[in-house]
Amino acid sequence: MNNDPRNKRNLTADTVALNWNNQTYQLILKDVTPYPGTSNSIPKATLVINNQ
């Protein structure tokens, strides 16, 4: 997507902190395909989960 003309700004991962079972986790959304709004296919997401 580096050459995508819609990429007009610096994109950063969406991140959320989550407390579950007395542990803190960081969930990071790294990638969503297909690019939102470009097709009717089923979207797929790549998440990274870090135990903090």
PDB file of N, CA and C in Angstrom:
ATOM      1  N   MET A   1       0.809  -1.206   0.000  1.00  0.00           N
ATOM      2  CA  MET A   1       0.000   0.000   0.000  1.00  0.00           C
ATOM      3  C   MET A   1       0.844   1.257   0.000  1.00  0.00           C
ATOM      4  N   ASN A   2       2.148   1.131  -0.046  1.00  0.00           N
ATOM      5  CA  ASN A   2       2.985   2.324  -0.018  1.00  0.00           C
ATOM      6  C   ASN A   2       2.721   3.232  -1.208  1.00  0.00           C
ATOM      7  N   ASN A   3       2.356   2.663  -2.363  1.00  0.00           N
ATOM      8  CA  ASN A   3       2.120   3.467  -3.552  1.00  0.00           C
ATOM      9  C   ASN A   3       0.656   3.838  -3.733  1.00  0.00           C
ATOM     10  N   ASP A   4      -0.181   3.496  -2.791  1.00  0.00           N
ATOM     11  CA  ASP A   4      -1.604   3.789  -2.870  1.00  0.00           C
ATOM     12  C   ASP A   4      -1.814   5.306  -2.773  1.00  0.00           C
ATOM     13  N   PRO A   5      -2.485   5.910  -3.746  1.00  0.00           N
ATOM     14  CA  PRO A   5      -2.699   7.362  -3.714  1.00  0.00           C
ATOM     15  C   PRO A   5      -3.547   7.828  -2.544  1.00  0.00           C
ATOM     16  N   ARG A   6      -4.294   6.921  -1.918  1.00  0.00           N
ATOM     17  CA  ARG A   6      -5.104   7.308  -0.753  1.00  0.00           C
ATOM     18  C   ARG A   6      -4.257   7.451   0.495  1.00  0.00           C
ATOM     19  N   ASN A   7      -3.007   6.993   0.434  1.00  0.00           N
ATOM     20  CA  ASN A   7      -2.123   7.033   1.597  1.00  0.00           C
ATOM     21  C   ASN A   7      -1.479   8.422   1.682  1.00  0.00           C
ATOM     22  N   LYS A   8      -2.239   9.386   2.120  1.00  0.00           N
ATOM     23  CA  LYS A   8      -1.800  10.787   2.145  1.00  0.00           C
ATOM     24  C   LYS A   8      -1.233  11.210   3.490  1.00  0.00           C
ATOM     25  N   ARG A   9      -1.266  10.335   4.484  1.00  0.00           N
ATOM     26  CA  ARG A   9      -0.814  10.706   5.814  1.00  0.00           C
ATOM     27  C   ARG A   9      -0.023   9.547   6.405  1.00  0.00           C
ATOM     28  N   ASN A  10       0.673   9.814   7.471  1.00  0.00           N
ATOM     29  CA  ASN A  10       1.376   8.743   8.172  1.00  0.00           C
ATOM     30  C   ASN A  10       0.360   7.901   8.922  1.00  0.00           C
ATOM     31  N   LEU A  11       0.358   6.605   8.659  1.00  0.00           N
ATOM     32  CA  LEU A  11      -0.570   5.711   9.330  1.00  0.00           C
ATOM     33  C   LEU A  11       0.146   5.021  10.475  1.00  0.00           C
ATOM     34  N   THR A  12      -0.505   4.958  11.611  1.00  0.00           N
ATOM     35  CA  THR A  12       0.045   4.256  12.758  1.00  0.00           C
ATOM     36  C   THR A  12      -0.945   3.179  13.174  1.00  0.00           C
ATOM     37  N   ALA A  13      -0.458   2.205  13.882  1.00  0.00           N
ATOM     38  CA  ALA A  13      -1.325   1.115  14.330  1.00  0.00           C
ATOM     39  C   ALA A  13      -2.326   1.614  15.355  1.00  0.00           C
ATOM     40  N   ASP A  14      -3.518   1.062  15.298  1.00  0.00           N
ATOM     41  CA  ASP A  14      -4.524   1.329  16.322  1.00  0.00           C
ATOM     42  C   ASP A  14      -4.224   0.415  17.494  1.00  0.00           C
ATOM     43  N   THR A  15      -4.131   0.990  18.688  1.00  0.00           N
ATOM     44  CA  THR A  15      -3.714   0.240  19.868  1.00  0.00           C
ATOM     45  C   THR A  15      -4.700   0.445  21.007  1.00  0.00           C
ATOM     46  N   VAL A  16      -4.936  -0.624  21.765  1.00  0.00           N
ATOM     47  CA  VAL A  16      -5.781  -0.523  22.945  1.00  0.00           C
ATOM     48  C   VAL A  16      -5.152  -1.368  24.051  1.00  0.00           C
ATOM     49  N   ALA A  17      -5.228  -0.869  25.281  1.00  0.00           N
ATOM     50  CA  ALA A  17      -4.757  -1.627  26.444  1.00  0.00           C
ATOM     51  C   ALA A  17      -5.962  -2.343  27.040  1.00  0.00           C
ATOM     52  N   LEU A  18      -5.749  -3.584  27.447  1.00  0.00           N
ATOM     53  CA  LEU A  18      -6.828  -4.414  27.968  1.00  0.00           C
ATOM     54  C   LEU A  18      -6.356  -5.110  29.233  1.00  0.00           C
ATOM     55  N   ASN A  19      -7.162  -5.031  30.273  1.00  0.00           N
ATOM     56  CA  ASN A  19      -6.892  -5.772  31.504  1.00  0.00           C
ATOM     57  C   ASN A  19      -7.822  -6.971  31.535  1.00  0.00           C
ATOM     58  N   TRP A  20      -7.236  -8.172  31.646  1.00  0.00           N
ATOM     59  CA  TRP A  20      -8.016  -9.396  31.664  1.00  0.00           C
ATOM     60  C   TRP A  20      -7.333 -10.398  32.573  1.00  0.00           C
ATOM     61  N   ASN A  21      -8.080 -10.935  33.534  1.00  0.00           N
ATOM     62  CA  ASN A  21      -7.561 -11.939  34.456  1.00  0.00           C
ATOM     63  C   ASN A  21      -6.313 -11.432  35.188  1.00  0.00           C
ATOM     64  N   ASN A  22      -6.382 -10.202  35.675  1.00  0.00           N
ATOM     65  CA  ASN A  22      -5.283  -9.550  36.396  1.00  0.00           C
ATOM     66  C   ASN A  22      -3.996  -9.423  35.584  1.00  0.00           C
ATOM     67  N   GLN A  23      -4.120  -9.416  34.275  1.00  0.00           N
ATOM     68  CA  GLN A  23      -2.980  -9.222  33.376  1.00  0.00           C
ATOM     69  C   GLN A  23      -3.303  -8.046  32.459  1.00  0.00           C
ATOM     70  N   THR A  24      -2.271  -7.327  32.044  1.00  0.00           N
ATOM     71  CA  THR A  24      -2.447  -6.223  31.103  1.00  0.00           C
ATOM     72  C   THR A  24      -1.927  -6.650  29.742  1.00  0.00           C
ATOM     73  N   TYR A  25      -2.752  -6.432  28.729  1.00  0.00           N
ATOM     74  CA  TYR A  25      -2.399  -6.776  27.356  1.00  0.00           C
ATOM     75  C   TYR A  25      -2.518  -5.535  26.486  1.00  0.00           C
ATOM     76  N   GLN A  26      -1.721  -5.499  25.438  1.00  0.00           N
ATOM     77  CA  GLN A  26      -1.790  -4.437  24.442  1.00  0.00           C
ATOM     78  C   GLN A  26      -2.183  -5.094  23.124  1.00  0.00           C
ATOM     79  N   LEU A  27      -3.321  -4.683  22.554  1.00  0.00           N
ATOM     80  CA  LEU A  27      -3.778  -5.202  21.285  1.00  0.00           C
ATOM     81  C   LEU A  27      -3.494  -4.148  20.222  1.00  0.00           C
ATOM     82  N   ILE A  28      -2.809  -4.562  19.158  1.00  0.00           N
ATOM     83  CA  ILE A  28      -2.430  -3.634  18.095  1.00  0.00           C
ATOM     84  C   ILE A  28      -3.000  -4.136  16.778  1.00  0.00           C
ATOM     85  N   LEU A  29      -3.821  -3.313  16.134  1.00  0.00           N
ATOM     86  CA  LEU A  29      -4.332  -3.625  14.806  1.00  0.00           C
ATOM     87  C   LEU A  29      -3.271  -3.214  13.798  1.00  0.00           C
ATOM     88  N   LYS A  30      -2.681  -4.186  13.110  1.00  0.00           N
ATOM     89  CA  LYS A  30      -1.581  -3.919  12.190  1.00  0.00           C
ATOM     90  C   LYS A  30      -2.028  -3.784  10.741  1.00  0.00           C
ATOM     91  N   ASP A  31      -3.044  -4.557  10.338  1.00  0.00           N
ATOM     92  CA  ASP A  31      -3.409  -4.577   8.927  1.00  0.00           C
ATOM     93  C   ASP A  31      -4.859  -5.002   8.786  1.00  0.00           C
ATOM     94  N   VAL A  32      -5.557  -4.401   7.829  1.00  0.00           N
ATOM     95  CA  VAL A  32      -6.907  -4.805   7.469  1.00  0.00           C
ATOM     96  C   VAL A  32      -6.931  -4.954   5.954  1.00  0.00           C
ATOM     97  N   THR A  33      -7.367  -6.123   5.492  1.00  0.00           N
ATOM     98  CA  THR A  33      -7.499  -6.337   4.046  1.00  0.00           C
ATOM     99  C   THR A  33      -8.894  -6.848   3.743  1.00  0.00           C
ATOM    100  N   PRO A  34      -9.497  -6.536   2.644  1.00  0.00           N
ATOM    101  CA  PRO A  34      -8.993  -5.557   1.681  1.00  0.00           C
ATOM    102  C   PRO A  34      -9.077  -4.151   2.257  1.00  0.00           C
ATOM    103  N   TYR A  35      -8.463  -3.213   1.575  1.00  0.00           N
ATOM    104  CA  TYR A  35      -8.502  -1.820   2.009  1.00  0.00           C
ATOM    105  C   TYR A  35      -9.957  -1.429   2.221  1.00  0.00           C
ATOM    106  N   PRO A  36     -10.308  -0.837   3.380  1.00  0.00           N
ATOM    107  CA  PRO A  36     -11.714  -0.525   3.681  1.00  0.00           C
ATOM    108  C   PRO A  36     -12.397   0.253   2.557  1.00  0.00           C
ATOM    109  N   GLY A  37     -13.586  -0.213   2.200  1.00  0.00           N
ATOM    110  CA  GLY A  37     -14.396   0.470   1.192  1.00  0.00           C
ATOM    111  C   GLY A  37     -14.063   0.104  -0.234  1.00  0.00           C
ATOM    112  N   THR A  38     -13.204  -0.891  -0.491  1.00  0.00           N
ATOM    113  CA  THR A  38     -12.812  -1.201  -1.862  1.00  0.00           C
ATOM    114  C   THR A  38     -13.479  -2.433  -2.444  1.00  0.00           C
ATOM    115  N   SER A  39     -14.075  -3.283  -1.621  1.00  0.00           N
ATOM    116  CA  SER A  39     -14.746  -4.457  -2.168  1.00  0.00           C
ATOM    117  C   SER A  39     -15.772  -4.976  -1.181  1.00  0.00           C
ATOM    118  N   ASN A  40     -16.528  -5.969  -1.636  1.00  0.00           N
ATOM    119  CA  ASN A  40     -17.548  -6.568  -0.782  1.00  0.00           C
ATOM    120  C   ASN A  40     -17.076  -7.871  -0.151  1.00  0.00           C
ATOM    121  N   SER A  41     -15.806  -8.210  -0.305  1.00  0.00           N
ATOM    122  CA  SER A  41     -15.325  -9.469   0.252  1.00  0.00           C
ATOM    123  C   SER A  41     -15.210  -9.381   1.771  1.00  0.00           C
ATOM    124  N   ILE A  42     -15.000 -10.513   2.393  1.00  0.00           N
ATOM    125  CA  ILE A  42     -14.908 -10.589   3.854  1.00  0.00           C
ATOM    126  C   ILE A  42     -13.586  -9.985   4.316  1.00  0.00           C
ATOM    127  N   PRO A  43     -13.630  -8.973   5.186  1.00  0.00           N
ATOM    128  CA  PRO A  43     -12.379  -8.354   5.656  1.00  0.00           C
ATOM    129  C   PRO A  43     -11.606  -9.280   6.582  1.00  0.00           C
ATOM    130  N   LYS A  44     -10.297  -9.132   6.566  1.00  0.00           N
ATOM    131  CA  LYS A  44      -9.416  -9.871   7.463  1.00  0.00           C
ATOM    132  C   LYS A  44      -8.539  -8.865   8.180  1.00  0.00           C
ATOM    133  N   ALA A  45      -8.251  -9.135   9.447  1.00  0.00           N
ATOM    134  CA  ALA A  45      -7.432  -8.226  10.235  1.00  0.00           C
ATOM    135  C   ALA A  45      -6.250  -8.981  10.824  1.00  0.00           C
ATOM    136  N   THR A  46      -5.135  -8.259  10.959  1.00  0.00           N
ATOM    137  CA  THR A  46      -3.951  -8.805  11.618  1.00  0.00           C
ATOM    138  C   THR A  46      -3.790  -8.072  12.947  1.00  0.00           C
ATOM    139  N   LEU A  47      -3.812  -8.840  14.038  1.00  0.00           N
ATOM    140  CA  LEU A  47      -3.649  -8.279  15.379  1.00  0.00           C
ATOM    141  C   LEU A  47      -2.356  -8.793  16.005  1.00  0.00           C
ATOM    142  N   VAL A  48      -1.746  -7.939  16.798  1.00  0.00           N
ATOM    143  CA  VAL A  48      -0.599  -8.332  17.613  1.00  0.00           C
ATOM    144  C   VAL A  48      -1.023  -8.157  19.060  1.00  0.00           C
ATOM    145  N   ILE A  49      -0.806  -9.179  19.883  1.00  0.00           N
ATOM    146  CA  ILE A  49      -1.177  -9.110  21.296  1.00  0.00           C
ATOM    147  C   ILE A  49       0.091  -9.258  22.125  1.00  0.00           C
ATOM    148  N   ASN A  50       0.372  -8.227  22.934  1.00  0.00           N
ATOM    149  CA  ASN A  50       1.536  -8.218  23.803  1.00  0.00           C
ATOM    150  C   ASN A  50       1.100  -8.286  25.249  1.00  0.00           C
ATOM    151  N   ASN A  51       1.708  -9.169  26.023  1.00  0.00           N
ATOM    152  CA  ASN A  51       1.475  -9.240  27.458  1.00  0.00           C
ATOM    153  C   ASN A  51       2.429  -8.248  28.110  1.00  0.00           C
ATOM    154  N   GLN A  52       1.888  -7.353  28.928  1.00  0.00           N
ATOM    155  CA  GLN A  52       2.734  -6.312  29.491  1.00  0.00           C
ATOM    156  C   GLN A  52       2.984  -6.529  30.921  1.00  0.00           C
TER     157      GLN A  52
END
